[in-house]
């Protein structure tokens, strides 16, 4: 067991993020395989709408938890679908079909749209779904480790802003509730409806969501509970986007001690192109080392075959944490070859 695997093996919640195309899903699958092989009951959850976790494992997964092997499980989660279901529940609460038993006159469609907020941005709907899934996993405590394979960086950054957004959304609903409160009171007095009305139920649901997000934020900012692993590749666009993500994580007090540089060409031989790429990656690794002085930096070499299926995932898992950035720099300098 190497230092990275030993450290991540103590963390119950691991979130993997980075620019699109850097190998987040393959890394998540391989890390899940490695930890399960160490005896940890591990769940790998894909949060990326363009799910490729099933492709990595070379099997159908879908939106129900699937057992991959003895200790490894996987799920392709659709947070927007979950949020859509919750909006339907909310809509039912405030719709005329709720009947007088819920304590309020029928609400017209325009008011329903305002309450349910059908125009909620995709990223925040995704974030609310993620938070609710996270909270349910916290409560059940069924797995030793849960690895979240997230969508590309932009979605992750929007997720970090979710509490502020929900406060704004919540405030809008409170103002809406206050505008109607006098009307509700008069109607109740005339028709003798019960004390609890539909707007109260709506606000209750919102308050529960806020409490869930508050609880999840507590876990996300706890270094003993969560590690946010940033994955990058050795090119400038990925490096600079990773730098921006790391800054946002620091601003939100979310632990990010480890960064993984994927697809690093380590080669010295007769292939001129391979030699050129290896030299370029050497200069990029030196740059990465300067930009991220506070992080533990790990390297996964470029493997010249398609990574699909458990055998290939196992092969990648053997490289996780086996080489730090200093070791990779030295190996390239001395003419090492990894194919």
C-alpha atoms as a PDB file:
ATOM      1  CA  UNK A   1       0.000   0.000   0.000  1.00  0.00           C
ATOM      2  CA  UNK A   2       1.492   3.376  -1.022  1.00  0.00           C
ATOM      3  CA  UNK A   3       1.055   6.747   0.694  1.00  0.00           C
ATOM      4  CA  UNK A   4      -1.786   7.964  -1.544  1.00  0.00           C
ATOM      5  CA  UNK A   5      -3.841   4.785  -1.223  1.00  0.00           C
ATOM      6  CA  UNK A   6      -3.205   4.693   2.525  1.00  0.00           C
ATOM      7  CA  UNK A   7      -4.395   8.304   2.868  1.00  0.00           C
ATOM      8  CA  UNK A   8      -7.473   7.910   0.650  1.00  0.00           C
ATOM      9  CA  UNK A   9      -8.316   4.637   2.385  1.00  0.00           C
ATOM     10  CA  UNK A  10      -8.998   6.627   5.564  1.00  0.00           C
ATOM     11  CA  UNK A  11     -11.350   9.085   3.800  1.00  0.00           C
ATOM     12  CA  UNK A  12     -15.010   8.020   3.456  1.00  0.00           C
ATOM     13  CA  UNK A  13     -15.897  10.519   0.683  1.00  0.00           C
ATOM     14  CA  UNK A  14     -13.642  11.189  -2.321  1.00  0.00           C
ATOM     15  CA  UNK A  15     -14.649  13.625  -5.053  1.00  0.00           C
ATOM     16  CA  UNK A  16     -12.804  13.471  -8.380  1.00  0.00           C
ATOM     17  CA  UNK A  17     -12.935  16.460 -10.704  1.00  0.00           C
ATOM     18  CA  UNK A  18     -11.095  18.201 -13.514  1.00  0.00           C
ATOM     19  CA  UNK A  19     -11.400  19.399 -17.083  1.00  0.00           C
ATOM     20  CA  UNK A  20     -13.306  17.203 -19.539  1.00  0.00           C
ATOM     21  CA  UNK A  21     -11.226  14.458 -21.125  1.00  0.00           C
ATOM     22  CA  UNK A  22      -8.518  14.182 -18.447  1.00  0.00           C
ATOM     23  CA  UNK A  23      -9.486  10.642 -17.411  1.00  0.00           C
ATOM     24  CA  UNK A  24     -11.615  11.331 -14.307  1.00  0.00           C
ATOM     25  CA  UNK A  25     -13.885   8.332 -14.855  1.00  0.00           C
ATOM     26  CA  UNK A  26     -11.032   5.904 -15.497  1.00  0.00           C
ATOM     27  CA  UNK A  27      -9.231   7.182 -12.415  1.00  0.00           C
ATOM     28  CA  UNK A  28     -12.398   6.912 -10.294  1.00  0.00           C
ATOM     29  CA  UNK A  29     -13.040   3.364 -11.472  1.00  0.00           C
ATOM     30  CA  UNK A  30      -9.398   2.363 -10.896  1.00  0.00           C
ATOM     31  CA  UNK A  31      -9.305   3.993  -7.446  1.00  0.00           C
ATOM     32  CA  UNK A  32     -12.531   2.205  -6.543  1.00  0.00           C
ATOM     33  CA  UNK A  33     -11.022  -1.080  -7.698  1.00  0.00           C
ATOM     34  CA  UNK A  34      -7.848  -0.459  -5.684  1.00  0.00           C
ATOM     35  CA  UNK A  35      -9.652   0.440  -2.456  1.00  0.00           C
ATOM     36  CA  UNK A  36     -12.070  -2.480  -2.773  1.00  0.00           C
ATOM     37  CA  UNK A  37      -9.070  -4.734  -3.321  1.00  0.00           C
ATOM     38  CA  UNK A  38      -7.731  -3.409   0.002  1.00  0.00           C
ATOM     39  CA  UNK A  39     -10.926  -4.631   1.694  1.00  0.00           C
ATOM     40  CA  UNK A  40     -12.962  -1.413   1.586  1.00  0.00           C
ATOM     41  CA  UNK A  41     -16.601  -1.699   0.592  1.00  0.00           C
ATOM     42  CA  UNK A  42     -16.535   0.948  -2.141  1.00  0.00           C
ATOM     43  CA  UNK A  43     -19.183   2.696  -4.230  1.00  0.00           C
ATOM     44  CA  UNK A  44     -18.195   4.641  -7.364  1.00  0.00           C
ATOM     45  CA  UNK A  45     -20.855   7.173  -8.374  1.00  0.00           C
ATOM     46  CA  UNK A  46     -20.843   8.868 -11.783  1.00  0.00           C
ATOM     47  CA  UNK A  47     -22.365  12.369 -11.628  1.00  0.00           C
ATOM     48  CA  UNK A  48     -21.445  13.310 -15.184  1.00  0.00           C
ATOM     49  CA  UNK A  49     -24.595  13.480 -17.375  1.00  0.00           C
ATOM     50  CA  UNK A  50     -22.518  11.920 -20.180  1.00  0.00           C
ATOM     51  CA  UNK A  51     -22.027   8.741 -18.147  1.00  0.00           C
ATOM     52  CA  UNK A  52     -18.996   6.660 -19.152  1.00  0.00           C
ATOM     53  CA  UNK A  53     -18.537   4.633 -15.973  1.00  0.00           C
ATOM     54  CA  UNK A  54     -20.260   1.667 -17.595  1.00  0.00           C
ATOM     55  CA  UNK A  55     -17.865   1.975 -20.535  1.00  0.00           C
ATOM     56  CA  UNK A  56     -14.888   1.957 -18.172  1.00  0.00           C
ATOM     57  CA  UNK A  57     -16.070  -1.224 -16.474  1.00  0.00           C
ATOM     58  CA  UNK A  58     -17.371  -2.576 -19.816  1.00  0.00           C
ATOM     59  CA  UNK A  59     -20.806  -3.384 -18.415  1.00  0.00           C
ATOM     60  CA  UNK A  60     -24.273  -1.874 -18.048  1.00  0.00           C
ATOM     61  CA  UNK A  61     -24.658   0.090 -14.816  1.00  0.00           C
ATOM     62  CA  UNK A  62     -27.543   2.583 -14.985  1.00  0.00           C
ATOM     63  CA  UNK A  63     -29.305   4.427 -12.169  1.00  0.00           C
ATOM     64  CA  UNK A  64     -29.485   1.497  -9.744  1.00  0.00           C
ATOM     65  CA  UNK A  65     -26.470   0.447  -7.688  1.00  0.00           C
ATOM     66  CA  UNK A  66     -24.718  -2.447  -9.410  1.00  0.00           C
ATOM     67  CA  UNK A  67     -22.249  -4.840  -7.846  1.00  0.00           C
ATOM     68  CA  UNK A  68     -19.006  -4.962  -9.868  1.00  0.00           C
ATOM     69  CA  UNK A  69     -17.137  -7.503  -7.749  1.00  0.00           C
ATOM     70  CA  UNK A  70     -17.054  -8.667  -4.133  1.00  0.00           C
ATOM     71  CA  UNK A  71     -16.476  -5.237  -2.531  1.00  0.00           C
ATOM     72  CA  UNK A  72     -16.945  -2.836  -5.445  1.00  0.00           C
ATOM     73  CA  UNK A  73     -20.233  -1.207  -6.485  1.00  0.00           C
ATOM     74  CA  UNK A  74     -21.142   1.428  -9.086  1.00  0.00           C
ATOM     75  CA  UNK A  75     -23.979   3.844  -9.848  1.00  0.00           C
ATOM     76  CA  UNK A  76     -24.678   6.198 -12.755  1.00  0.00           C
ATOM     77  CA  UNK A  77     -26.669   8.835 -10.906  1.00  0.00           C
ATOM     78  CA  UNK A  78     -28.933  11.337 -12.640  1.00  0.00           C
ATOM     79  CA  UNK A  79     -29.258  14.257 -10.193  1.00  0.00           C
ATOM     80  CA  UNK A  80     -31.437  16.289 -12.544  1.00  0.00           C
ATOM     81  CA  UNK A  81     -33.899  13.406 -12.786  1.00  0.00           C
ATOM     82  CA  UNK A  82     -34.049  13.242  -8.985  1.00  0.00           C
ATOM     83  CA  UNK A  83     -34.644  16.974  -8.797  1.00  0.00           C
ATOM     84  CA  UNK A  84     -37.389  16.685 -11.439  1.00  0.00           C
ATOM     85  CA  UNK A  85     -39.165  14.078  -9.296  1.00  0.00           C
ATOM     86  CA  UNK A  86     -38.945  16.354  -6.255  1.00  0.00           C
ATOM     87  CA  UNK A  87     -40.346  19.240  -8.284  1.00  0.00           C
ATOM     88  CA  UNK A  88     -43.302  17.041  -9.199  1.00  0.00           C
ATOM     89  CA  UNK A  89     -43.928  16.366  -5.509  1.00  0.00           C
ATOM     90  CA  UNK A  90     -43.698  20.084  -4.799  1.00  0.00           C
ATOM     91  CA  UNK A  91     -46.026  20.844  -7.688  1.00  0.00           C
ATOM     92  CA  UNK A  92     -48.568  18.358  -6.343  1.00  0.00           C
ATOM     93  CA  UNK A  93     -48.493  20.080  -2.961  1.00  0.00           C
ATOM     94  CA  UNK A  94     -49.332  23.463  -4.445  1.00  0.00           C
ATOM     95  CA  UNK A  95     -51.689  22.295  -7.196  1.00  0.00           C
ATOM     96  CA  UNK A  96     -55.506  22.491  -7.073  1.00  0.00           C
ATOM     97  CA  UNK A  97     -55.658  18.685  -6.928  1.00  0.00           C
ATOM     98  CA  UNK A  98     -54.295  18.935  -3.403  1.00  0.00           C
ATOM     99  CA  UNK A  99     -57.819  19.777  -2.291  1.00  0.00           C
ATOM    100  CA  UNK A 100     -59.048  21.798   0.679  1.00  0.00           C
ATOM    101  CA  UNK A 101     -57.501  19.300   3.099  1.00  0.00           C
ATOM    102  CA  UNK A 102     -54.145  20.945   2.469  1.00  0.00           C
ATOM    103  CA  UNK A 103     -55.542  24.243   3.655  1.00  0.00           C
ATOM    104  CA  UNK A 104     -55.442  26.648   0.717  1.00  0.00           C
ATOM    105  CA  UNK A 105     -57.485  27.665  -2.298  1.00  0.00           C
ATOM    106  CA  UNK A 106     -56.215  26.399  -5.672  1.00  0.00           C
ATOM    107  CA  UNK A 107     -53.052  28.168  -6.868  1.00  0.00           C
ATOM    108  CA  UNK A 108     -52.951  29.175 -10.526  1.00  0.00           C
ATOM    109  CA  UNK A 109     -50.253  27.933 -12.922  1.00  0.00           C
ATOM    110  CA  UNK A 110     -48.223  31.137 -12.789  1.00  0.00           C
ATOM    111  CA  UNK A 111     -47.934  30.902  -9.022  1.00  0.00           C
ATOM    112  CA  UNK A 112     -47.051  27.204  -9.265  1.00  0.00           C
ATOM    113  CA  UNK A 113     -44.242  28.021 -11.696  1.00  0.00           C
ATOM    114  CA  UNK A 114     -42.885  30.636  -9.298  1.00  0.00           C
ATOM    115  CA  UNK A 115     -43.013  28.259  -6.336  1.00  0.00           C
ATOM    116  CA  UNK A 116     -41.506  25.320  -8.167  1.00  0.00           C
ATOM    117  CA  UNK A 117     -39.108  27.572 -10.110  1.00  0.00           C
ATOM    118  CA  UNK A 118     -39.164  25.614 -13.351  1.00  0.00           C
ATOM    119  CA  UNK A 119     -36.318  27.796 -14.692  1.00  0.00           C
ATOM    120  CA  UNK A 120     -33.757  26.657 -12.119  1.00  0.00           C
ATOM    121  CA  UNK A 121     -30.348  26.475 -13.850  1.00  0.00           C
ATOM    122  CA  UNK A 122     -29.206  22.988 -14.787  1.00  0.00           C
ATOM    123  CA  UNK A 123     -26.046  23.158 -12.675  1.00  0.00           C
ATOM    124  CA  UNK A 124     -27.995  23.982  -9.501  1.00  0.00           C
ATOM    125  CA  UNK A 125     -30.579  21.275 -10.132  1.00  0.00           C
ATOM    126  CA  UNK A 126     -27.610  18.931 -10.520  1.00  0.00           C
ATOM    127  CA  UNK A 127     -26.106  20.278  -7.307  1.00  0.00           C
ATOM    128  CA  UNK A 128     -29.264  19.796  -5.260  1.00  0.00           C
ATOM    129  CA  UNK A 129     -29.544  16.218  -6.518  1.00  0.00           C
ATOM    130  CA  UNK A 130     -25.897  15.586  -5.614  1.00  0.00           C
ATOM    131  CA  UNK A 131     -26.352  17.028  -2.124  1.00  0.00           C
ATOM    132  CA  UNK A 132     -29.415  14.864  -1.469  1.00  0.00           C
ATOM    133  CA  UNK A 133     -27.653  11.716  -2.675  1.00  0.00           C
ATOM    134  CA  UNK A 134     -24.612  12.603  -0.558  1.00  0.00           C
ATOM    135  CA  UNK A 135     -26.822  13.124   2.497  1.00  0.00           C
ATOM    136  CA  UNK A 136     -28.607   9.806   2.019  1.00  0.00           C
ATOM    137  CA  UNK A 137     -25.243   8.005   1.803  1.00  0.00           C
ATOM    138  CA  UNK A 138     -24.082   9.774   4.972  1.00  0.00           C
ATOM    139  CA  UNK A 139     -27.191   8.636   6.819  1.00  0.00           C
ATOM    140  CA  UNK A 140     -27.062   5.017   5.620  1.00  0.00           C
ATOM    141  CA  UNK A 141     -23.301   4.559   6.181  1.00  0.00           C
ATOM    142  CA  UNK A 142     -23.444   1.442   4.018  1.00  0.00           C
ATOM    143  CA  UNK A 143     -20.063   1.918   2.313  1.00  0.00           C
ATOM    144  CA  UNK A 144     -16.563   2.418   3.686  1.00  0.00           C
ATOM    145  CA  UNK A 145     -15.697   4.693   0.759  1.00  0.00           C
ATOM    146  CA  UNK A 146     -17.816   6.581  -1.771  1.00  0.00           C
ATOM    147  CA  UNK A 147     -16.048   8.008  -4.838  1.00  0.00           C
ATOM    148  CA  UNK A 148     -17.881  10.685  -6.826  1.00  0.00           C
ATOM    149  CA  UNK A 149     -16.848  11.002 -10.477  1.00  0.00           C
ATOM    150  CA  UNK A 150     -18.053  14.533 -11.223  1.00  0.00           C
ATOM    151  CA  UNK A 151     -18.950  16.416 -14.378  1.00  0.00           C
ATOM    152  CA  UNK A 152     -16.321  18.770 -15.910  1.00  0.00           C
ATOM    153  CA  UNK A 153     -14.902  21.593 -13.804  1.00  0.00           C
ATOM    154  CA  UNK A 154     -17.504  24.233 -14.677  1.00  0.00           C
ATOM    155  CA  UNK A 155     -20.311  22.152 -13.201  1.00  0.00           C
ATOM    156  CA  UNK A 156     -18.281  21.498 -10.077  1.00  0.00           C
ATOM    157  CA  UNK A 157     -17.660  25.203  -9.560  1.00  0.00           C
ATOM    158  CA  UNK A 158     -21.381  25.905  -9.871  1.00  0.00           C
ATOM    159  CA  UNK A 159     -22.056  23.204  -7.277  1.00  0.00           C
ATOM    160  CA  UNK A 160     -19.768  25.036  -4.831  1.00  0.00           C
ATOM    161  CA  UNK A 161     -21.958  28.139  -5.206  1.00  0.00           C
ATOM    162  CA  UNK A 162     -25.137  26.198  -4.447  1.00  0.00           C
ATOM    163  CA  UNK A 163     -25.654  27.374  -0.833  1.00  0.00           C
ATOM    164  CA  UNK A 164     -25.593  31.030  -1.895  1.00  0.00           C
ATOM    165  CA  UNK A 165     -27.957  30.311  -4.762  1.00  0.00           C
ATOM    166  CA  UNK A 166     -30.404  28.432  -2.567  1.00  0.00           C
ATOM    167  CA  UNK A 167     -30.411  31.257  -0.055  1.00  0.00           C
ATOM    168  CA  UNK A 168     -31.425  33.562  -2.875  1.00  0.00           C
ATOM    169  CA  UNK A 169     -34.059  31.114  -4.124  1.00  0.00           C
ATOM    170  CA  UNK A 170     -35.294  30.590  -0.588  1.00  0.00           C
ATOM    171  CA  UNK A 171     -35.513  34.336  -0.056  1.00  0.00           C
ATOM    172  CA  UNK A 172     -37.610  34.702  -3.185  1.00  0.00           C
ATOM    173  CA  UNK A 173     -40.079  32.129  -1.893  1.00  0.00           C
ATOM    174  CA  UNK A 174     -40.274  33.839   1.498  1.00  0.00           C
ATOM    175  CA  UNK A 175     -41.081  37.142  -0.182  1.00  0.00           C
ATOM    176  CA  UNK A 176     -43.704  35.398  -2.292  1.00  0.00           C
ATOM    177  CA  UNK A 177     -45.167  33.836   0.863  1.00  0.00           C
ATOM    178  CA  UNK A 178     -45.339  37.206   2.614  1.00  0.00           C
ATOM    179  CA  UNK A 179     -47.109  38.834  -0.364  1.00  0.00           C
ATOM    180  CA  UNK A 180     -49.826  36.195  -0.162  1.00  0.00           C
ATOM    181  CA  UNK A 181     -50.043  35.807   3.613  1.00  0.00           C
ATOM    182  CA  UNK A 182     -52.759  38.412   4.148  1.00  0.00           C
ATOM    183  CA  UNK A 183     -54.797  36.900   1.342  1.00  0.00           C
ATOM    184  CA  UNK A 184     -54.415  33.419   2.872  1.00  0.00           C
ATOM    185  CA  UNK A 185     -55.469  34.685   6.292  1.00  0.00           C
ATOM    186  CA  UNK A 186     -58.637  36.281   4.916  1.00  0.00           C
ATOM    187  CA  UNK A 187     -59.543  33.178   2.914  1.00  0.00           C
ATOM    188  CA  UNK A 188     -59.033  30.941   5.942  1.00  0.00           C
ATOM    189  CA  UNK A 189     -61.258  33.154   8.043  1.00  0.00           C
ATOM    190  CA  UNK A 190     -64.015  33.011   5.448  1.00  0.00           C
ATOM    191  CA  UNK A 191     -63.863  29.301   4.634  1.00  0.00           C
ATOM    192  CA  UNK A 192     -62.552  27.909   7.908  1.00  0.00           C
ATOM    193  CA  UNK A 193     -59.541  26.107   6.398  1.00  0.00           C
ATOM    194  CA  UNK A 194     -56.952  24.444   8.613  1.00  0.00           C
ATOM    195  CA  UNK A 195     -53.889  26.139  10.020  1.00  0.00           C
ATOM    196  CA  UNK A 196     -51.285  24.554   7.674  1.00  0.00           C
ATOM    197  CA  UNK A 197     -51.405  25.807   4.092  1.00  0.00           C
ATOM    198  CA  UNK A 198     -49.612  24.745   0.928  1.00  0.00           C
ATOM    199  CA  UNK A 199     -47.126  27.604   1.004  1.00  0.00           C
ATOM    200  CA  UNK A 200     -46.083  26.511   4.499  1.00  0.00           C
ATOM    201  CA  UNK A 201     -45.517  22.978   3.207  1.00  0.00           C
ATOM    202  CA  UNK A 202     -43.477  24.346   0.318  1.00  0.00           C
ATOM    203  CA  UNK A 203     -41.287  26.405   2.628  1.00  0.00           C
ATOM    204  CA  UNK A 204     -40.911  23.379   4.905  1.00  0.00           C
ATOM    205  CA  UNK A 205     -39.539  21.359   1.975  1.00  0.00           C
ATOM    206  CA  UNK A 206     -37.146  24.201   1.129  1.00  0.00           C
ATOM    207  CA  UNK A 207     -35.973  24.406   4.729  1.00  0.00           C
ATOM    208  CA  UNK A 208     -35.319  20.659   4.767  1.00  0.00           C
ATOM    209  CA  UNK A 209     -33.234  21.049   1.599  1.00  0.00           C
ATOM    210  CA  UNK A 210     -31.254  23.886   3.175  1.00  0.00           C
ATOM    211  CA  UNK A 211     -30.598  21.763   6.262  1.00  0.00           C
ATOM    212  CA  UNK A 212     -29.398  18.877   4.077  1.00  0.00           C
ATOM    213  CA  UNK A 213     -27.025  21.199   2.222  1.00  0.00           C
ATOM    214  CA  UNK A 214     -25.737  22.600   5.508  1.00  0.00           C
ATOM    215  CA  UNK A 215     -25.030  19.063   6.786  1.00  0.00           C
ATOM    216  CA  UNK A 216     -23.313  18.047   3.544  1.00  0.00           C
ATOM    217  CA  UNK A 217     -21.211  21.228   3.546  1.00  0.00           C
ATOM    218  CA  UNK A 218     -20.019  20.273   7.013  1.00  0.00           C
ATOM    219  CA  UNK A 219     -18.807  16.913   5.673  1.00  0.00           C
ATOM    220  CA  UNK A 220     -17.315  18.457   2.522  1.00  0.00           C
ATOM    221  CA  UNK A 221     -15.150  20.832   4.555  1.00  0.00           C
ATOM    222  CA  UNK A 222     -13.988  18.187   7.047  1.00  0.00           C
ATOM    223  CA  UNK A 223     -10.479  16.951   6.089  1.00  0.00           C
ATOM    224  CA  UNK A 224     -11.053  13.668   7.922  1.00  0.00           C
ATOM    225  CA  UNK A 225     -14.210  12.965   5.891  1.00  0.00           C
ATOM    226  CA  UNK A 226     -13.607  14.351   2.409  1.00  0.00           C
ATOM    227  CA  UNK A 227     -10.796  14.626  -0.115  1.00  0.00           C
ATOM    228  CA  UNK A 228     -11.248  16.435  -3.418  1.00  0.00           C
ATOM    229  CA  UNK A 229      -8.815  14.932  -5.941  1.00  0.00           C
ATOM    230  CA  UNK A 230      -8.103  17.139  -8.949  1.00  0.00           C
ATOM    231  CA  UNK A 231      -7.163  15.284 -12.154  1.00  0.00           C
ATOM    232  CA  UNK A 232      -5.247  17.052 -14.923  1.00  0.00           C
ATOM    233  CA  UNK A 233      -3.203  16.235 -17.986  1.00  0.00           C
ATOM    234  CA  UNK A 234       0.147  17.870 -18.818  1.00  0.00           C
ATOM    235  CA  UNK A 235      -1.067  20.645 -21.115  1.00  0.00           C
ATOM    236  CA  UNK A 236      -1.585  24.326 -20.377  1.00  0.00           C
ATOM    237  CA  UNK A 237      -5.381  24.460 -20.640  1.00  0.00           C
ATOM    238  CA  UNK A 238      -5.778  21.635 -18.145  1.00  0.00           C
ATOM    239  CA  UNK A 239      -3.122  23.057 -15.816  1.00  0.00           C
ATOM    240  CA  UNK A 240      -4.695  26.526 -15.698  1.00  0.00           C
ATOM    241  CA  UNK A 241      -8.228  25.164 -15.249  1.00  0.00           C
ATOM    242  CA  UNK A 242      -6.982  22.948 -12.432  1.00  0.00           C
ATOM    243  CA  UNK A 243      -5.333  25.971 -10.827  1.00  0.00           C
ATOM    244  CA  UNK A 244      -8.667  27.806 -10.935  1.00  0.00           C
ATOM    245  CA  UNK A 245     -10.480  24.794  -9.441  1.00  0.00           C
ATOM    246  CA  UNK A 246      -7.905  24.449  -6.655  1.00  0.00           C
ATOM    247  CA  UNK A 247      -8.334  28.152  -5.807  1.00  0.00           C
ATOM    248  CA  UNK A 248     -12.122  27.768  -5.618  1.00  0.00           C
ATOM    249  CA  UNK A 249     -11.782  24.714  -3.387  1.00  0.00           C
ATOM    250  CA  UNK A 250      -9.487  26.634  -1.063  1.00  0.00           C
ATOM    251  CA  UNK A 251     -11.924  29.557  -0.988  1.00  0.00           C
ATOM    252  CA  UNK A 252     -14.719  27.195   0.065  1.00  0.00           C
ATOM    253  CA  UNK A 253     -12.490  25.387   2.621  1.00  0.00           C
ATOM    254  CA  UNK A 254     -12.849  22.053   0.828  1.00  0.00           C
ATOM    255  CA  UNK A 255      -9.849  19.732   1.353  1.00  0.00           C
ATOM    256  CA  UNK A 256      -7.697  19.267  -1.760  1.00  0.00           C
ATOM    257  CA  UNK A 257      -4.353  17.818  -0.773  1.00  0.00           C
ATOM    258  CA  UNK A 258      -3.746  15.569  -3.797  1.00  0.00           C
ATOM    259  CA  UNK A 259      -3.501  16.316  -7.517  1.00  0.00           C
ATOM    260  CA  UNK A 260      -3.033  13.606 -10.132  1.00  0.00           C
ATOM    261  CA  UNK A 261      -1.344  14.293 -13.488  1.00  0.00           C
ATOM    262  CA  UNK A 262      -2.681  11.734 -15.945  1.00  0.00           C
ATOM    263  CA  UNK A 263      -1.447  10.526 -19.369  1.00  0.00           C
ATOM    264  CA  UNK A 264       2.205  11.487 -18.823  1.00  0.00           C
ATOM    265  CA  UNK A 265       4.467  10.148 -21.602  1.00  0.00           C
ATOM    266  CA  UNK A 266       7.520   8.467 -20.129  1.00  0.00           C
ATOM    267  CA  UNK A 267       9.607   7.216 -23.042  1.00  0.00           C
ATOM    268  CA  UNK A 268      13.132   7.012 -24.420  1.00  0.00           C
ATOM    269  CA  UNK A 269      13.554   5.025 -27.616  1.00  0.00           C
ATOM    270  CA  UNK A 270      13.339   4.962 -31.402  1.00  0.00           C
ATOM    271  CA  UNK A 271       9.928   6.685 -31.707  1.00  0.00           C
ATOM    272  CA  UNK A 272      10.730  10.341 -32.466  1.00  0.00           C
ATOM    273  CA  UNK A 273       7.207  11.542 -31.704  1.00  0.00           C
ATOM    274  CA  UNK A 274       7.191   9.689 -28.360  1.00  0.00           C
ATOM    275  CA  UNK A 275      10.549  11.217 -27.415  1.00  0.00           C
ATOM    276  CA  UNK A 276       9.236  14.693 -28.262  1.00  0.00           C
ATOM    277  CA  UNK A 277       6.092  14.178 -26.156  1.00  0.00           C
ATOM    278  CA  UNK A 278       8.143  12.846 -23.264  1.00  0.00           C
ATOM    279  CA  UNK A 279      10.397  15.932 -23.303  1.00  0.00           C
ATOM    280  CA  UNK A 280       7.362  18.230 -23.525  1.00  0.00           C
ATOM    281  CA  UNK A 281       5.703  16.473 -20.585  1.00  0.00           C
ATOM    282  CA  UNK A 282       8.925  16.802 -18.600  1.00  0.00           C
ATOM    283  CA  UNK A 283       8.780  20.599 -18.988  1.00  0.00           C
ATOM    284  CA  UNK A 284       5.057  20.552 -18.074  1.00  0.00           C
ATOM    285  CA  UNK A 285       5.690  18.528 -14.925  1.00  0.00           C
ATOM    286  CA  UNK A 286       8.263  21.091 -13.814  1.00  0.00           C
ATOM    287  CA  UNK A 287       5.691  23.846 -14.424  1.00  0.00           C
ATOM    288  CA  UNK A 288       3.021  21.943 -12.454  1.00  0.00           C
ATOM    289  CA  UNK A 289       5.419  21.507  -9.560  1.00  0.00           C
ATOM    290  CA  UNK A 290       5.932  25.297  -9.424  1.00  0.00           C
ATOM    291  CA  UNK A 291       2.215  26.143  -9.700  1.00  0.00           C
ATOM    292  CA  UNK A 292       1.052  23.697  -7.004  1.00  0.00           C
ATOM    293  CA  UNK A 293       3.719  23.850  -4.253  1.00  0.00           C
ATOM    294  CA  UNK A 294       1.212  23.041  -1.457  1.00  0.00           C
ATOM    295  CA  UNK A 295      -0.238  19.883  -3.014  1.00  0.00           C
ATOM    296  CA  UNK A 296       0.952  16.302  -3.144  1.00  0.00           C
ATOM    297  CA  UNK A 297       1.475  15.662  -6.848  1.00  0.00           C
ATOM    298  CA  UNK A 298       1.104  12.201  -8.361  1.00  0.00           C
ATOM    299  CA  UNK A 299       1.678  10.937 -11.885  1.00  0.00           C
ATOM    300  CA  UNK A 300      -0.070   8.211 -13.870  1.00  0.00           C
ATOM    301  CA  UNK A 301       1.837   7.340 -17.058  1.00  0.00           C
ATOM    302  CA  UNK A 302       0.339   7.171 -20.516  1.00  0.00           C
ATOM    303  CA  UNK A 303      -0.639   3.579 -21.324  1.00  0.00           C
ATOM    304  CA  UNK A 304      -0.745   2.748 -25.041  1.00  0.00           C
ATOM    305  CA  UNK A 305      -3.965   0.728 -24.956  1.00  0.00           C
ATOM    306  CA  UNK A 306      -7.659   1.373 -24.432  1.00  0.00           C
ATOM    307  CA  UNK A 307      -8.631   1.189 -20.774  1.00  0.00           C
ATOM    308  CA  UNK A 308     -11.883  -0.740 -20.695  1.00  0.00           C
ATOM    309  CA  UNK A 309     -12.945  -3.679 -18.564  1.00  0.00           C
ATOM    310  CA  UNK A 310     -11.844  -4.874 -15.134  1.00  0.00           C
ATOM    311  CA  UNK A 311      -8.467  -6.230 -16.267  1.00  0.00           C
ATOM    312  CA  UNK A 312      -7.424  -2.874 -17.736  1.00  0.00           C
ATOM    313  CA  UNK A 313      -8.895  -0.968 -14.790  1.00  0.00           C
ATOM    314  CA  UNK A 314      -6.834  -3.158 -12.462  1.00  0.00           C
ATOM    315  CA  UNK A 315      -3.726  -2.309 -14.498  1.00  0.00           C
ATOM    316  CA  UNK A 316      -4.324   1.424 -14.069  1.00  0.00           C
ATOM    317  CA  UNK A 317      -5.072   0.934 -10.367  1.00  0.00           C
ATOM    318  CA  UNK A 318      -1.526  -0.358  -9.882  1.00  0.00           C
ATOM    319  CA  UNK A 319      -0.170   3.036 -10.993  1.00  0.00           C
ATOM    320  CA  UNK A 320      -2.290   5.113  -8.558  1.00  0.00           C
ATOM    321  CA  UNK A 321       0.066   6.558  -5.969  1.00  0.00           C
ATOM    322  CA  UNK A 322       3.047   4.548  -7.215  1.00  0.00           C
ATOM    323  CA  UNK A 323       4.876   7.570  -8.667  1.00  0.00           C
ATOM    324  CA  UNK A 324       5.076  11.128  -7.381  1.00  0.00           C
ATOM    325  CA  UNK A 325       6.018  14.034  -9.616  1.00  0.00           C
ATOM    326  CA  UNK A 326       9.678  14.019  -8.550  1.00  0.00           C
ATOM    327  CA  UNK A 327       9.917  10.327  -9.450  1.00  0.00           C
ATOM    328  CA  UNK A 328       8.348  10.928 -12.875  1.00  0.00           C
ATOM    329  CA  UNK A 329      10.698  13.841 -13.613  1.00  0.00           C
ATOM    330  CA  UNK A 330      13.720  11.740 -12.673  1.00  0.00           C
ATOM    331  CA  UNK A 331      12.491   8.744 -14.704  1.00  0.00           C
ATOM    332  CA  UNK A 332      12.066  10.852 -17.851  1.00  0.00           C
ATOM    333  CA  UNK A 333      15.473  12.477 -17.349  1.00  0.00           C
ATOM    334  CA  UNK A 334      17.212   9.100 -17.015  1.00  0.00           C
ATOM    335  CA  UNK A 335      15.504   7.614 -20.070  1.00  0.00           C
ATOM    336  CA  UNK A 336      12.863   5.464 -18.454  1.00  0.00           C
ATOM    337  CA  UNK A 337      10.180   3.775 -20.559  1.00  0.00           C
ATOM    338  CA  UNK A 338       6.582   2.955 -19.588  1.00  0.00           C
ATOM    339  CA  UNK A 339       4.395   1.569 -22.343  1.00  0.00           C
END
